PDBML (XML) file of the C-alpha atoms, coordinates in Angstrom:
<?xml version="1.0" encoding="UTF-8" ?>
<PDBx:datablock datablockName="MODEL"
   xmlns:PDBx="http://pdbml.pdb.org/schema/pdbx-v50.xsd"
   xmlns:xsi="http://www.w3.org/2001/XMLSchema-instance"
   xsi:schemaLocation="http://pdbml.pdb.org/schema/pdbx-v50.xsd pdbx-v50.xsd">
   <PDBx:atom_siteCategory>
      <PDBx:atom_site id="1">
         <PDBx:B_iso_or_equiv>0.00</PDBx:B_iso_or_equiv>
         <PDBx:Cartn_x>-57.355</PDBx:Cartn_x>
         <PDBx:Cartn_y>-65.140</PDBx:Cartn_y>
         <PDBx:Cartn_z>-56.557</PDBx:Cartn_z>
         <PDBx:auth_asym_id>A</PDBx:auth_asym_id>
         <PDBx:auth_atom_id>CA</PDBx:auth_atom_id>
         <PDBx:auth_comp_id>UNK</PDBx:auth_comp_id>
         <PDBx:auth_seq_id>1</PDBx:auth_seq_id>
         <PDBx:group_PDB>ATOM</PDBx:group_PDB>
         <PDBx:label_alt_id xsi:nil="true" />
         <PDBx:label_asym_id>A</PDBx:label_asym_id>
         <PDBx:label_atom_id>CA</PDBx:label_atom_id>
         <PDBx:label_comp_id>UNK</PDBx:label_comp_id>
         <PDBx:label_entity_id>1</PDBx:label_entity_id>
         <PDBx:label_seq_id>1</PDBx:label_seq_id>
         <PDBx:occupancy>1.00</PDBx:occupancy>
         <PDBx:pdbx_PDB_model_num>1</PDBx:pdbx_PDB_model_num>
         <PDBx:type_symbol>C</PDBx:type_symbol>
      </PDBx:atom_site>
      <PDBx:atom_site id="2">
         <PDBx:B_iso_or_equiv>0.00</PDBx:B_iso_or_equiv>
         <PDBx:Cartn_x>-55.413</PDBx:Cartn_x>
         <PDBx:Cartn_y>-66.509</PDBx:Cartn_y>
         <PDBx:Cartn_z>-53.583</PDBx:Cartn_z>
         <PDBx:auth_asym_id>A</PDBx:auth_asym_id>
         <PDBx:auth_atom_id>CA</PDBx:auth_atom_id>
         <PDBx:auth_comp_id>UNK</PDBx:auth_comp_id>
         <PDBx:auth_seq_id>2</PDBx:auth_seq_id>
         <PDBx:group_PDB>ATOM</PDBx:group_PDB>
         <PDBx:label_alt_id xsi:nil="true" />
         <PDBx:label_asym_id>A</PDBx:label_asym_id>
         <PDBx:label_atom_id>CA</PDBx:label_atom_id>
         <PDBx:label_comp_id>UNK</PDBx:label_comp_id>
         <PDBx:label_entity_id>1</PDBx:label_entity_id>
         <PDBx:label_seq_id>2</PDBx:label_seq_id>
         <PDBx:occupancy>1.00</PDBx:occupancy>
         <PDBx:pdbx_PDB_model_num>1</PDBx:pdbx_PDB_model_num>
         <PDBx:type_symbol>C</PDBx:type_symbol>
      </PDBx:atom_site>
      <PDBx:atom_site id="3">
         <PDBx:B_iso_or_equiv>0.00</PDBx:B_iso_or_equiv>
         <PDBx:Cartn_x>-54.689</PDBx:Cartn_x>
         <PDBx:Cartn_y>-69.734</PDBx:Cartn_y>
         <PDBx:Cartn_z>-55.424</PDBx:Cartn_z>
         <PDBx:auth_asym_id>A</PDBx:auth_asym_id>
         <PDBx:auth_atom_id>CA</PDBx:auth_atom_id>
         <PDBx:auth_comp_id>UNK</PDBx:auth_comp_id>
         <PDBx:auth_seq_id>3</PDBx:auth_seq_id>
         <PDBx:group_PDB>ATOM</PDBx:group_PDB>
         <PDBx:label_alt_id xsi:nil="true" />
         <PDBx:label_asym_id>A</PDBx:label_asym_id>
         <PDBx:label_atom_id>CA</PDBx:label_atom_id>
         <PDBx:label_comp_id>UNK</PDBx:label_comp_id>
         <PDBx:label_entity_id>1</PDBx:label_entity_id>
         <PDBx:label_seq_id>3</PDBx:label_seq_id>
         <PDBx:occupancy>1.00</PDBx:occupancy>
         <PDBx:pdbx_PDB_model_num>1</PDBx:pdbx_PDB_model_num>
         <PDBx:type_symbol>C</PDBx:type_symbol>
      </PDBx:atom_site>
      <PDBx:atom_site id="4">
         <PDBx:B_iso_or_equiv>0.00</PDBx:B_iso_or_equiv>
         <PDBx:Cartn_x>-53.450</PDBx:Cartn_x>
         <PDBx:Cartn_y>-67.816</PDBx:Cartn_y>
         <PDBx:Cartn_z>-58.484</PDBx:Cartn_z>
         <PDBx:auth_asym_id>A</PDBx:auth_asym_id>
         <PDBx:auth_atom_id>CA</PDBx:auth_atom_id>
         <PDBx:auth_comp_id>UNK</PDBx:auth_comp_id>
         <PDBx:auth_seq_id>4</PDBx:auth_seq_id>
         <PDBx:group_PDB>ATOM</PDBx:group_PDB>
         <PDBx:label_alt_id xsi:nil="true" />
         <PDBx:label_asym_id>A</PDBx:label_asym_id>
         <PDBx:label_atom_id>CA</PDBx:label_atom_id>
         <PDBx:label_comp_id>UNK</PDBx:label_comp_id>
         <PDBx:label_entity_id>1</PDBx:label_entity_id>
         <PDBx:label_seq_id>4</PDBx:label_seq_id>
         <PDBx:occupancy>1.00</PDBx:occupancy>
         <PDBx:pdbx_PDB_model_num>1</PDBx:pdbx_PDB_model_num>
         <PDBx:type_symbol>C</PDBx:type_symbol>
      </PDBx:atom_site>
      <PDBx:atom_site id="5">
         <PDBx:B_iso_or_equiv>0.00</PDBx:B_iso_or_equiv>
         <PDBx:Cartn_x>-51.230</PDBx:Cartn_x>
         <PDBx:Cartn_y>-65.556</PDBx:Cartn_y>
         <PDBx:Cartn_z>-56.353</PDBx:Cartn_z>
         <PDBx:auth_asym_id>A</PDBx:auth_asym_id>
         <PDBx:auth_atom_id>CA</PDBx:auth_atom_id>
         <PDBx:auth_comp_id>UNK</PDBx:auth_comp_id>
         <PDBx:auth_seq_id>5</PDBx:auth_seq_id>
         <PDBx:group_PDB>ATOM</PDBx:group_PDB>
         <PDBx:label_alt_id xsi:nil="true" />
         <PDBx:label_asym_id>A</PDBx:label_asym_id>
         <PDBx:label_atom_id>CA</PDBx:label_atom_id>
         <PDBx:label_comp_id>UNK</PDBx:label_comp_id>
         <PDBx:label_entity_id>1</PDBx:label_entity_id>
         <PDBx:label_seq_id>5</PDBx:label_seq_id>
         <PDBx:occupancy>1.00</PDBx:occupancy>
         <PDBx:pdbx_PDB_model_num>1</PDBx:pdbx_PDB_model_num>
         <PDBx:type_symbol>C</PDBx:type_symbol>
      </PDBx:atom_site>
      <PDBx:atom_site id="6">
         <PDBx:B_iso_or_equiv>0.00</PDBx:B_iso_or_equiv>
         <PDBx:Cartn_x>-49.774</PDBx:Cartn_x>
         <PDBx:Cartn_y>-68.471</PDBx:Cartn_y>
         <PDBx:Cartn_z>-54.385</PDBx:Cartn_z>
         <PDBx:auth_asym_id>A</PDBx:auth_asym_id>
         <PDBx:auth_atom_id>CA</PDBx:auth_atom_id>
         <PDBx:auth_comp_id>UNK</PDBx:auth_comp_id>
         <PDBx:auth_seq_id>6</PDBx:auth_seq_id>
         <PDBx:group_PDB>ATOM</PDBx:group_PDB>
         <PDBx:label_alt_id xsi:nil="true" />
         <PDBx:label_asym_id>A</PDBx:label_asym_id>
         <PDBx:label_atom_id>CA</PDBx:label_atom_id>
         <PDBx:label_comp_id>UNK</PDBx:label_comp_id>
         <PDBx:label_entity_id>1</PDBx:label_entity_id>
         <PDBx:label_seq_id>6</PDBx:label_seq_id>
         <PDBx:occupancy>1.00</PDBx:occupancy>
         <PDBx:pdbx_PDB_model_num>1</PDBx:pdbx_PDB_model_num>
         <PDBx:type_symbol>C</PDBx:type_symbol>
      </PDBx:atom_site>
      <PDBx:atom_site id="7">
         <PDBx:B_iso_or_equiv>0.00</PDBx:B_iso_or_equiv>
         <PDBx:Cartn_x>-49.002</PDBx:Cartn_x>
         <PDBx:Cartn_y>-70.329</PDBx:Cartn_y>
         <PDBx:Cartn_z>-57.624</PDBx:Cartn_z>
         <PDBx:auth_asym_id>A</PDBx:auth_asym_id>
         <PDBx:auth_atom_id>CA</PDBx:auth_atom_id>
         <PDBx:auth_comp_id>UNK</PDBx:auth_comp_id>
         <PDBx:auth_seq_id>7</PDBx:auth_seq_id>
         <PDBx:group_PDB>ATOM</PDBx:group_PDB>
         <PDBx:label_alt_id xsi:nil="true" />
         <PDBx:label_asym_id>A</PDBx:label_asym_id>
         <PDBx:label_atom_id>CA</PDBx:label_atom_id>
         <PDBx:label_comp_id>UNK</PDBx:label_comp_id>
         <PDBx:label_entity_id>1</PDBx:label_entity_id>
         <PDBx:label_seq_id>7</PDBx:label_seq_id>
         <PDBx:occupancy>1.00</PDBx:occupancy>
         <PDBx:pdbx_PDB_model_num>1</PDBx:pdbx_PDB_model_num>
         <PDBx:type_symbol>C</PDBx:type_symbol>
      </PDBx:atom_site>
      <PDBx:atom_site id="8">
         <PDBx:B_iso_or_equiv>0.00</PDBx:B_iso_or_equiv>
         <PDBx:Cartn_x>-47.256</PDBx:Cartn_x>
         <PDBx:Cartn_y>-67.276</PDBx:Cartn_y>
         <PDBx:Cartn_z>-59.062</PDBx:Cartn_z>
         <PDBx:auth_asym_id>A</PDBx:auth_asym_id>
         <PDBx:auth_atom_id>CA</PDBx:auth_atom_id>
         <PDBx:auth_comp_id>UNK</PDBx:auth_comp_id>
         <PDBx:auth_seq_id>8</PDBx:auth_seq_id>
         <PDBx:group_PDB>ATOM</PDBx:group_PDB>
         <PDBx:label_alt_id xsi:nil="true" />
         <PDBx:label_asym_id>A</PDBx:label_asym_id>
         <PDBx:label_atom_id>CA</PDBx:label_atom_id>
         <PDBx:label_comp_id>UNK</PDBx:label_comp_id>
         <PDBx:label_entity_id>1</PDBx:label_entity_id>
         <PDBx:label_seq_id>8</PDBx:label_seq_id>
         <PDBx:occupancy>1.00</PDBx:occupancy>
         <PDBx:pdbx_PDB_model_num>1</PDBx:pdbx_PDB_model_num>
         <PDBx:type_symbol>C</PDBx:type_symbol>
      </PDBx:atom_site>
      <PDBx:atom_site id="9">
         <PDBx:B_iso_or_equiv>0.00</PDBx:B_iso_or_equiv>
         <PDBx:Cartn_x>-45.233</PDBx:Cartn_x>
         <PDBx:Cartn_y>-66.774</PDBx:Cartn_y>
         <PDBx:Cartn_z>-55.863</PDBx:Cartn_z>
         <PDBx:auth_asym_id>A</PDBx:auth_asym_id>
         <PDBx:auth_atom_id>CA</PDBx:auth_atom_id>
         <PDBx:auth_comp_id>UNK</PDBx:auth_comp_id>
         <PDBx:auth_seq_id>9</PDBx:auth_seq_id>
         <PDBx:group_PDB>ATOM</PDBx:group_PDB>
         <PDBx:label_alt_id xsi:nil="true" />
         <PDBx:label_asym_id>A</PDBx:label_asym_id>
         <PDBx:label_atom_id>CA</PDBx:label_atom_id>
         <PDBx:label_comp_id>UNK</PDBx:label_comp_id>
         <PDBx:label_entity_id>1</PDBx:label_entity_id>
         <PDBx:label_seq_id>9</PDBx:label_seq_id>
         <PDBx:occupancy>1.00</PDBx:occupancy>
         <PDBx:pdbx_PDB_model_num>1</PDBx:pdbx_PDB_model_num>
         <PDBx:type_symbol>C</PDBx:type_symbol>
      </PDBx:atom_site>
      <PDBx:atom_site id="10">
         <PDBx:B_iso_or_equiv>0.00</PDBx:B_iso_or_equiv>
         <PDBx:Cartn_x>-44.122</PDBx:Cartn_x>
         <PDBx:Cartn_y>-70.397</PDBx:Cartn_y>
         <PDBx:Cartn_z>-56.009</PDBx:Cartn_z>
         <PDBx:auth_asym_id>A</PDBx:auth_asym_id>
         <PDBx:auth_atom_id>CA</PDBx:auth_atom_id>
         <PDBx:auth_comp_id>UNK</PDBx:auth_comp_id>
         <PDBx:auth_seq_id>10</PDBx:auth_seq_id>
         <PDBx:group_PDB>ATOM</PDBx:group_PDB>
         <PDBx:label_alt_id xsi:nil="true" />
         <PDBx:label_asym_id>A</PDBx:label_asym_id>
         <PDBx:label_atom_id>CA</PDBx:label_atom_id>
         <PDBx:label_comp_id>UNK</PDBx:label_comp_id>
         <PDBx:label_entity_id>1</PDBx:label_entity_id>
         <PDBx:label_seq_id>10</PDBx:label_seq_id>
         <PDBx:occupancy>1.00</PDBx:occupancy>
         <PDBx:pdbx_PDB_model_num>1</PDBx:pdbx_PDB_model_num>
         <PDBx:type_symbol>C</PDBx:type_symbol>
      </PDBx:atom_site>
      <PDBx:atom_site id="11">
         <PDBx:B_iso_or_equiv>0.00</PDBx:B_iso_or_equiv>
         <PDBx:Cartn_x>-43.248</PDBx:Cartn_x>
         <PDBx:Cartn_y>-70.017</PDBx:Cartn_y>
         <PDBx:Cartn_z>-59.701</PDBx:Cartn_z>
         <PDBx:auth_asym_id>A</PDBx:auth_asym_id>
         <PDBx:auth_atom_id>CA</PDBx:auth_atom_id>
         <PDBx:auth_comp_id>UNK</PDBx:auth_comp_id>
         <PDBx:auth_seq_id>11</PDBx:auth_seq_id>
         <PDBx:group_PDB>ATOM</PDBx:group_PDB>
         <PDBx:label_alt_id xsi:nil="true" />
         <PDBx:label_asym_id>A</PDBx:label_asym_id>
         <PDBx:label_atom_id>CA</PDBx:label_atom_id>
         <PDBx:label_comp_id>UNK</PDBx:label_comp_id>
         <PDBx:label_entity_id>1</PDBx:label_entity_id>
         <PDBx:label_seq_id>11</PDBx:label_seq_id>
         <PDBx:occupancy>1.00</PDBx:occupancy>
         <PDBx:pdbx_PDB_model_num>1</PDBx:pdbx_PDB_model_num>
         <PDBx:type_symbol>C</PDBx:type_symbol>
      </PDBx:atom_site>
      <PDBx:atom_site id="12">
         <PDBx:B_iso_or_equiv>0.00</PDBx:B_iso_or_equiv>
         <PDBx:Cartn_x>-41.201</PDBx:Cartn_x>
         <PDBx:Cartn_y>-66.831</PDBx:Cartn_y>
         <PDBx:Cartn_z>-59.151</PDBx:Cartn_z>
         <PDBx:auth_asym_id>A</PDBx:auth_asym_id>
         <PDBx:auth_atom_id>CA</PDBx:auth_atom_id>
         <PDBx:auth_comp_id>UNK</PDBx:auth_comp_id>
         <PDBx:auth_seq_id>12</PDBx:auth_seq_id>
         <PDBx:group_PDB>ATOM</PDBx:group_PDB>
         <PDBx:label_alt_id xsi:nil="true" />
         <PDBx:label_asym_id>A</PDBx:label_asym_id>
         <PDBx:label_atom_id>CA</PDBx:label_atom_id>
         <PDBx:label_comp_id>UNK</PDBx:label_comp_id>
         <PDBx:label_entity_id>1</PDBx:label_entity_id>
         <PDBx:label_seq_id>12</PDBx:label_seq_id>
         <PDBx:occupancy>1.00</PDBx:occupancy>
         <PDBx:pdbx_PDB_model_num>1</PDBx:pdbx_PDB_model_num>
         <PDBx:type_symbol>C</PDBx:type_symbol>
      </PDBx:atom_site>
      <PDBx:atom_site id="13">
         <PDBx:B_iso_or_equiv>0.00</PDBx:B_iso_or_equiv>
         <PDBx:Cartn_x>-39.353</PDBx:Cartn_x>
         <PDBx:Cartn_y>-68.242</PDBx:Cartn_y>
         <PDBx:Cartn_z>-56.134</PDBx:Cartn_z>
         <PDBx:auth_asym_id>A</PDBx:auth_asym_id>
         <PDBx:auth_atom_id>CA</PDBx:auth_atom_id>
         <PDBx:auth_comp_id>UNK</PDBx:auth_comp_id>
         <PDBx:auth_seq_id>13</PDBx:auth_seq_id>
         <PDBx:group_PDB>ATOM</PDBx:group_PDB>
         <PDBx:label_alt_id xsi:nil="true" />
         <PDBx:label_asym_id>A</PDBx:label_asym_id>
         <PDBx:label_atom_id>CA</PDBx:label_atom_id>
         <PDBx:label_comp_id>UNK</PDBx:label_comp_id>
         <PDBx:label_entity_id>1</PDBx:label_entity_id>
         <PDBx:label_seq_id>13</PDBx:label_seq_id>
         <PDBx:occupancy>1.00</PDBx:occupancy>
         <PDBx:pdbx_PDB_model_num>1</PDBx:pdbx_PDB_model_num>
         <PDBx:type_symbol>C</PDBx:type_symbol>
      </PDBx:atom_site>
      <PDBx:atom_site id="14">
         <PDBx:B_iso_or_equiv>0.00</PDBx:B_iso_or_equiv>
         <PDBx:Cartn_x>-38.320</PDBx:Cartn_x>
         <PDBx:Cartn_y>-71.327</PDBx:Cartn_y>
         <PDBx:Cartn_z>-58.097</PDBx:Cartn_z>
         <PDBx:auth_asym_id>A</PDBx:auth_asym_id>
         <PDBx:auth_atom_id>CA</PDBx:auth_atom_id>
         <PDBx:auth_comp_id>UNK</PDBx:auth_comp_id>
         <PDBx:auth_seq_id>14</PDBx:auth_seq_id>
         <PDBx:group_PDB>ATOM</PDBx:group_PDB>
         <PDBx:label_alt_id xsi:nil="true" />
         <PDBx:label_asym_id>A</PDBx:label_asym_id>
         <PDBx:label_atom_id>CA</PDBx:label_atom_id>
         <PDBx:label_comp_id>UNK</PDBx:label_comp_id>
         <PDBx:label_entity_id>1</PDBx:label_entity_id>
         <PDBx:label_seq_id>14</PDBx:label_seq_id>
         <PDBx:occupancy>1.00</PDBx:occupancy>
         <PDBx:pdbx_PDB_model_num>1</PDBx:pdbx_PDB_model_num>
         <PDBx:type_symbol>C</PDBx:type_symbol>
      </PDBx:atom_site>
      <PDBx:atom_site id="15">
         <PDBx:B_iso_or_equiv>0.00</PDBx:B_iso_or_equiv>
         <PDBx:Cartn_x>-36.437</PDBx:Cartn_x>
         <PDBx:Cartn_y>-69.105</PDBx:Cartn_y>
         <PDBx:Cartn_z>-60.573</PDBx:Cartn_z>
         <PDBx:auth_asym_id>A</PDBx:auth_asym_id>
         <PDBx:auth_atom_id>CA</PDBx:auth_atom_id>
         <PDBx:auth_comp_id>UNK</PDBx:auth_comp_id>
         <PDBx:auth_seq_id>15</PDBx:auth_seq_id>
         <PDBx:group_PDB>ATOM</PDBx:group_PDB>
         <PDBx:label_alt_id xsi:nil="true" />
         <PDBx:label_asym_id>A</PDBx:label_asym_id>
         <PDBx:label_atom_id>CA</PDBx:label_atom_id>
         <PDBx:label_comp_id>UNK</PDBx:label_comp_id>
         <PDBx:label_entity_id>1</PDBx:label_entity_id>
         <PDBx:label_seq_id>15</PDBx:label_seq_id>
         <PDBx:occupancy>1.00</PDBx:occupancy>
         <PDBx:pdbx_PDB_model_num>1</PDBx:pdbx_PDB_model_num>
         <PDBx:type_symbol>C</PDBx:type_symbol>
      </PDBx:atom_site>
      <PDBx:atom_site id="16">
         <PDBx:B_iso_or_equiv>0.00</PDBx:B_iso_or_equiv>
         <PDBx:Cartn_x>-35.072</PDBx:Cartn_x>
         <PDBx:Cartn_y>-66.702</PDBx:Cartn_y>
         <PDBx:Cartn_z>-57.955</PDBx:Cartn_z>
         <PDBx:auth_asym_id>A</PDBx:auth_asym_id>
         <PDBx:auth_atom_id>CA</PDBx:auth_atom_id>
         <PDBx:auth_comp_id>UNK</PDBx:auth_comp_id>
         <PDBx:auth_seq_id>16</PDBx:auth_seq_id>
         <PDBx:group_PDB>ATOM</PDBx:group_PDB>
         <PDBx:label_alt_id xsi:nil="true" />
         <PDBx:label_asym_id>A</PDBx:label_asym_id>
         <PDBx:label_atom_id>CA</PDBx:label_atom_id>
         <PDBx:label_comp_id>UNK</PDBx:label_comp_id>
         <PDBx:label_entity_id>1</PDBx:label_entity_id>
         <PDBx:label_seq_id>16</PDBx:label_seq_id>
         <PDBx:occupancy>1.00</PDBx:occupancy>
         <PDBx:pdbx_PDB_model_num>1</PDBx:pdbx_PDB_model_num>
         <PDBx:type_symbol>C</PDBx:type_symbol>
      </PDBx:atom_site>
      <PDBx:atom_site id="17">
         <PDBx:B_iso_or_equiv>0.00</PDBx:B_iso_or_equiv>
         <PDBx:Cartn_x>-33.753</PDBx:Cartn_x>
         <PDBx:Cartn_y>-69.640</PDBx:Cartn_y>
         <PDBx:Cartn_z>-55.907</PDBx:Cartn_z>
         <PDBx:auth_asym_id>A</PDBx:auth_asym_id>
         <PDBx:auth_atom_id>CA</PDBx:auth_atom_id>
         <PDBx:auth_comp_id>UNK</PDBx:auth_comp_id>
         <PDBx:auth_seq_id>17</PDBx:auth_seq_id>
         <PDBx:group_PDB>ATOM</PDBx:group_PDB>
         <PDBx:label_alt_id xsi:nil="true" />
         <PDBx:label_asym_id>A</PDBx:label_asym_id>
         <PDBx:label_atom_id>CA</PDBx:label_atom_id>
         <PDBx:label_comp_id>UNK</PDBx:label_comp_id>
         <PDBx:label_entity_id>1</PDBx:label_entity_id>
         <PDBx:label_seq_id>17</PDBx:label_seq_id>
         <PDBx:occupancy>1.00</PDBx:occupancy>
         <PDBx:pdbx_PDB_model_num>1</PDBx:pdbx_PDB_model_num>
         <PDBx:type_symbol>C</PDBx:type_symbol>
      </PDBx:atom_site>
      <PDBx:atom_site id="18">
         <PDBx:B_iso_or_equiv>0.00</PDBx:B_iso_or_equiv>
         <PDBx:Cartn_x>-31.657</PDBx:Cartn_x>
         <PDBx:Cartn_y>-70.798</PDBx:Cartn_y>
         <PDBx:Cartn_z>-58.840</PDBx:Cartn_z>
         <PDBx:auth_asym_id>A</PDBx:auth_asym_id>
         <PDBx:auth_atom_id>CA</PDBx:auth_atom_id>
         <PDBx:auth_comp_id>UNK</PDBx:auth_comp_id>
         <PDBx:auth_seq_id>18</PDBx:auth_seq_id>
         <PDBx:group_PDB>ATOM</PDBx:group_PDB>
         <PDBx:label_alt_id xsi:nil="true" />
         <PDBx:label_asym_id>A</PDBx:label_asym_id>
         <PDBx:label_atom_id>CA</PDBx:label_atom_id>
         <PDBx:label_comp_id>UNK</PDBx:label_comp_id>
         <PDBx:label_entity_id>1</PDBx:label_entity_id>
         <PDBx:label_seq_id>18</PDBx:label_seq_id>
         <PDBx:occupancy>1.00</PDBx:occupancy>
         <PDBx:pdbx_PDB_model_num>1</PDBx:pdbx_PDB_model_num>
         <PDBx:type_symbol>C</PDBx:type_symbol>
      </PDBx:atom_site>
      <PDBx:atom_site id="19">
         <PDBx:B_iso_or_equiv>0.00</PDBx:B_iso_or_equiv>
         <PDBx:Cartn_x>-30.122</PDBx:Cartn_x>
         <PDBx:Cartn_y>-67.341</PDBx:Cartn_y>
         <PDBx:Cartn_z>-59.233</PDBx:Cartn_z>
         <PDBx:auth_asym_id>A</PDBx:auth_asym_id>
         <PDBx:auth_atom_id>CA</PDBx:auth_atom_id>
         <PDBx:auth_comp_id>UNK</PDBx:auth_comp_id>
         <PDBx:auth_seq_id>19</PDBx:auth_seq_id>
         <PDBx:group_PDB>ATOM</PDBx:group_PDB>
         <PDBx:label_alt_id xsi:nil="true" />
         <PDBx:label_asym_id>A</PDBx:label_asym_id>
         <PDBx:label_atom_id>CA</PDBx:label_atom_id>
         <PDBx:label_comp_id>UNK</PDBx:label_comp_id>
         <PDBx:label_entity_id>1</PDBx:label_entity_id>
         <PDBx:label_seq_id>19</PDBx:label_seq_id>
         <PDBx:occupancy>1.00</PDBx:occupancy>
         <PDBx:pdbx_PDB_model_num>1</PDBx:pdbx_PDB_model_num>
         <PDBx:type_symbol>C</PDBx:type_symbol>
      </PDBx:atom_site>
      <PDBx:atom_site id="20">
         <PDBx:B_iso_or_equiv>0.00</PDBx:B_iso_or_equiv>
         <PDBx:Cartn_x>-32.341</PDBx:Cartn_x>
         <PDBx:Cartn_y>-65.669</PDBx:Cartn_y>
         <PDBx:Cartn_z>-61.840</PDBx:Cartn_z>
         <PDBx:auth_asym_id>A</PDBx:auth_asym_id>
         <PDBx:auth_atom_id>CA</PDBx:auth_atom_id>
         <PDBx:auth_comp_id>UNK</PDBx:auth_comp_id>
         <PDBx:auth_seq_id>20</PDBx:auth_seq_id>
         <PDBx:group_PDB>ATOM</PDBx:group_PDB>
         <PDBx:label_alt_id xsi:nil="true" />
         <PDBx:label_asym_id>A</PDBx:label_asym_id>
         <PDBx:label_atom_id>CA</PDBx:label_atom_id>
         <PDBx:label_comp_id>UNK</PDBx:label_comp_id>
         <PDBx:label_entity_id>1</PDBx:label_entity_id>
         <PDBx:label_seq_id>20</PDBx:label_seq_id>
         <PDBx:occupancy>1.00</PDBx:occupancy>
         <PDBx:pdbx_PDB_model_num>1</PDBx:pdbx_PDB_model_num>
         <PDBx:type_symbol>C</PDBx:type_symbol>
      </PDBx:atom_site>
      <PDBx:atom_site id="21">
         <PDBx:B_iso_or_equiv>0.00</PDBx:B_iso_or_equiv>
         <PDBx:Cartn_x>-33.185</PDBx:Cartn_x>
         <PDBx:Cartn_y>-61.992</PDBx:Cartn_y>
         <PDBx:Cartn_z>-61.388</PDBx:Cartn_z>
         <PDBx:auth_asym_id>A</PDBx:auth_asym_id>
         <PDBx:auth_atom_id>CA</PDBx:auth_atom_id>
         <PDBx:auth_comp_id>UNK</PDBx:auth_comp_id>
         <PDBx:auth_seq_id>21</PDBx:auth_seq_id>
         <PDBx:group_PDB>ATOM</PDBx:group_PDB>
         <PDBx:label_alt_id xsi:nil="true" />
         <PDBx:label_asym_id>A</PDBx:label_asym_id>
         <PDBx:label_atom_id>CA</PDBx:label_atom_id>
         <PDBx:label_comp_id>UNK</PDBx:label_comp_id>
         <PDBx:label_entity_id>1</PDBx:label_entity_id>
         <PDBx:label_seq_id>21</PDBx:label_seq_id>
         <PDBx:occupancy>1.00</PDBx:occupancy>
         <PDBx:pdbx_PDB_model_num>1</PDBx:pdbx_PDB_model_num>
         <PDBx:type_symbol>C</PDBx:type_symbol>
      </PDBx:atom_site>
      <PDBx:atom_site id="22">
         <PDBx:B_iso_or_equiv>0.00</PDBx:B_iso_or_equiv>
         <PDBx:Cartn_x>-34.124</PDBx:Cartn_x>
         <PDBx:Cartn_y>-60.056</PDBx:Cartn_y>
         <PDBx:Cartn_z>-64.538</PDBx:Cartn_z>
         <PDBx:auth_asym_id>A</PDBx:auth_asym_id>
         <PDBx:auth_atom_id>CA</PDBx:auth_atom_id>
         <PDBx:auth_comp_id>UNK</PDBx:auth_comp_id>
         <PDBx:auth_seq_id>22</PDBx:auth_seq_id>
         <PDBx:group_PDB>ATOM</PDBx:group_PDB>
         <PDBx:label_alt_id xsi:nil="true" />
         <PDBx:label_asym_id>A</PDBx:label_asym_id>
         <PDBx:label_atom_id>CA</PDBx:label_atom_id>
         <PDBx:label_comp_id>UNK</PDBx:label_comp_id>
         <PDBx:label_entity_id>1</PDBx:label_entity_id>
         <PDBx:label_seq_id>22</PDBx:label_seq_id>
         <PDBx:occupancy>1.00</PDBx:occupancy>
         <PDBx:pdbx_PDB_model_num>1</PDBx:pdbx_PDB_model_num>
         <PDBx:type_symbol>C</PDBx:type_symbol>
      </PDBx:atom_site>
      <PDBx:atom_site id="23">
         <PDBx:B_iso_or_equiv>0.00</PDBx:B_iso_or_equiv>
         <PDBx:Cartn_x>-35.312</PDBx:Cartn_x>
         <PDBx:Cartn_y>-62.558</PDBx:Cartn_y>
         <PDBx:Cartn_z>-67.161</PDBx:Cartn_z>
         <PDBx:auth_asym_id>A</PDBx:auth_asym_id>
         <PDBx:auth_atom_id>CA</PDBx:auth_atom_id>
         <PDBx:auth_comp_id>UNK</PDBx:auth_comp_id>
         <PDBx:auth_seq_id>23</PDBx:auth_seq_id>
         <PDBx:group_PDB>ATOM</PDBx:group_PDB>
         <PDBx:label_alt_id xsi:nil="true" />
         <PDBx:label_asym_id>A</PDBx:label_asym_id>
         <PDBx:label_atom_id>CA</PDBx:label_atom_id>
         <PDBx:label_comp_id>UNK</PDBx:label_comp_id>
         <PDBx:label_entity_id>1</PDBx:label_entity_id>
         <PDBx:label_seq_id>23</PDBx:label_seq_id>
         <PDBx:occupancy>1.00</PDBx:occupancy>
         <PDBx:pdbx_PDB_model_num>1</PDBx:pdbx_PDB_model_num>
         <PDBx:type_symbol>C</PDBx:type_symbol>
      </PDBx:atom_site>
      <PDBx:atom_site id="24">
         <PDBx:B_iso_or_equiv>0.00</PDBx:B_iso_or_equiv>
         <PDBx:Cartn_x>-35.749</PDBx:Cartn_x>
         <PDBx:Cartn_y>-61.960</PDBx:Cartn_y>
         <PDBx:Cartn_z>-70.934</PDBx:Cartn_z>
         <PDBx:auth_asym_id>A</PDBx:auth_asym_id>
         <PDBx:auth_atom_id>CA</PDBx:auth_atom_id>
         <PDBx:auth_comp_id>UNK</PDBx:auth_comp_id>
         <PDBx:auth_seq_id>24</PDBx:auth_seq_id>
         <PDBx:group_PDB>ATOM</PDBx:group_PDB>
         <PDBx:label_alt_id xsi:nil="true" />
         <PDBx:label_asym_id>A</PDBx:label_asym_id>
         <PDBx:label_atom_id>CA</PDBx:label_atom_id>
         <PDBx:label_comp_id>UNK</PDBx:label_comp_id>
         <PDBx:label_entity_id>1</PDBx:label_entity_id>
         <PDBx:label_seq_id>24</PDBx:label_seq_id>
         <PDBx:occupancy>1.00</PDBx:occupancy>
         <PDBx:pdbx_PDB_model_num>1</PDBx:pdbx_PDB_model_num>
         <PDBx:type_symbol>C</PDBx:type_symbol>
      </PDBx:atom_site>
   </PDBx:atom_siteCategory>
</PDBx:datablock>
């Protein structure tokens, strides 16, 4: 579970860092 959560956090941050917020 920790691995899955850490991967999702990394995934989300990669999009937020480039300026994405609400994504279709």
